[in-house]
Amino acid sequence: MAFALGRLRWTPDAFWRATPRELAAAVEGTRGGSAIAALTPGDLAALMRAFPD
């Protein structure tokens, strides 16, 4: 919590709305962690079929 509020400068509302994965990704990003590969067009199409909205 201190890391998100202090280092990341998230508001309390942003902290409580964030998922554990979002917080982990933010922490990894500040530490120069591994880059996340971009979605391929096929991956995006599959996600759009699975979650139409």
C-alpha atoms as a PDB file:
ATOM      1  CA  MET A   1       0.000   0.000   0.000  1.00  0.00           C
ATOM      2  CA  ALA A   2       2.792   2.400   0.873  1.00  0.00           C
ATOM      3  CA  PHE A   3       4.482   1.642  -2.454  1.00  0.00           C
ATOM      4  CA  ALA A   4       1.321   2.353  -4.462  1.00  0.00           C
ATOM      5  CA  LEU A   5       0.465   5.530  -2.596  1.00  0.00           C
ATOM      6  CA  GLY A   6       4.009   6.834  -2.189  1.00  0.00           C
ATOM      7  CA  ARG A   7       6.127   5.628  -5.098  1.00  0.00           C
ATOM      8  CA  LEU A   8       3.403   5.241  -7.719  1.00  0.00           C
ATOM      9  CA  ARG A   9       1.446   8.238  -6.399  1.00  0.00           C
ATOM     10  CA  TRP A  10      -1.855   6.418  -6.797  1.00  0.00           C
ATOM     11  CA  THR A  11      -4.851   7.865  -5.043  1.00  0.00           C
ATOM     12  CA  PRO A  12      -6.422   5.683  -2.357  1.00  0.00           C
ATOM     13  CA  ASP A  13      -9.360   5.128  -4.712  1.00  0.00           C
ATOM     14  CA  ALA A  14      -7.040   3.954  -7.505  1.00  0.00           C
ATOM     15  CA  PHE A  15      -5.268   1.611  -5.097  1.00  0.00           C
ATOM     16  CA  TRP A  16      -8.456  -0.015  -3.845  1.00  0.00           C
ATOM     17  CA  ARG A  17      -9.858  -0.383  -7.369  1.00  0.00           C
ATOM     18  CA  ALA A  18      -6.683  -1.969  -8.754  1.00  0.00           C
ATOM     19  CA  THR A  19      -6.430  -5.717  -9.066  1.00  0.00           C
ATOM     20  CA  PRO A  20      -3.462  -7.578  -7.608  1.00  0.00           C
ATOM     21  CA  ARG A  21      -2.234  -8.176 -11.168  1.00  0.00           C
ATOM     22  CA  GLU A  22      -2.375  -4.462 -11.956  1.00  0.00           C
ATOM     23  CA  LEU A  23      -0.401  -3.638  -8.831  1.00  0.00           C
ATOM     24  CA  ALA A  24       2.147  -6.360  -9.624  1.00  0.00           C
ATOM     25  CA  ALA A  25       2.537  -5.053 -13.182  1.00  0.00           C
ATOM     26  CA  ALA A  26       3.061  -1.515 -11.886  1.00  0.00           C
ATOM     27  CA  VAL A  27       5.684  -2.700  -9.408  1.00  0.00           C
ATOM     28  CA  GLU A  28       7.457  -4.740 -12.091  1.00  0.00           C
ATOM     29  CA  GLY A  29       7.401  -1.770 -14.450  1.00  0.00           C
ATOM     30  CA  THR A  30       9.092   0.518 -11.948  1.00  0.00           C
ATOM     31  CA  ARG A  31      11.803  -2.065 -11.374  1.00  0.00           C
ATOM     32  CA  GLY A  32      12.579  -2.426 -15.074  1.00  0.00           C
ATOM     33  CA  GLY A  33      11.002  -5.866 -15.263  1.00  0.00           C
ATOM     34  CA  SER A  34      10.457  -7.864 -18.387  1.00  0.00           C
ATOM     35  CA  ALA A  35       8.444  -6.304 -21.157  1.00  0.00           C
ATOM     36  CA  ILE A  36       5.032  -7.733 -21.848  1.00  0.00           C
ATOM     37  CA  ALA A  37       4.584  -8.908 -25.427  1.00  0.00           C
ATOM     38  CA  ALA A  38       1.953  -7.097 -27.452  1.00  0.00           C
ATOM     39  CA  LEU A  39      -1.172  -8.920 -28.510  1.00  0.00           C
ATOM     40  CA  THR A  40      -1.180 -10.362 -31.983  1.00  0.00           C
ATOM     41  CA  PRO A  41      -4.156  -9.609 -34.230  1.00  0.00           C
ATOM     42  CA  GLY A  42      -5.303 -13.208 -33.707  1.00  0.00           C
ATOM     43  CA  ASP A  43      -5.103 -12.863 -29.932  1.00  0.00           C
ATOM     44  CA  LEU A  44      -7.156  -9.685 -30.031  1.00  0.00           C
ATOM     45  CA  ALA A  45      -9.772 -11.273 -32.289  1.00  0.00           C
ATOM     46  CA  ALA A  46     -10.069 -14.239 -29.924  1.00  0.00           C
ATOM     47  CA  LEU A  47     -10.555 -11.937 -26.939  1.00  0.00           C
ATOM     48  CA  MET A  48     -13.186  -9.926 -28.803  1.00  0.00           C
ATOM     49  CA  ARG A  49     -15.096 -13.127 -29.607  1.00  0.00           C
ATOM     50  CA  ALA A  50     -14.832 -14.356 -26.033  1.00  0.00           C
ATOM     51  CA  PHE A  51     -15.865 -11.043 -24.463  1.00  0.00           C
ATOM     52  CA  PRO A  52     -18.200  -9.166 -26.826  1.00  0.00           C
ATOM     53  CA  ASP A  53     -19.586  -5.966 -25.415  1.00  0.00           C
END
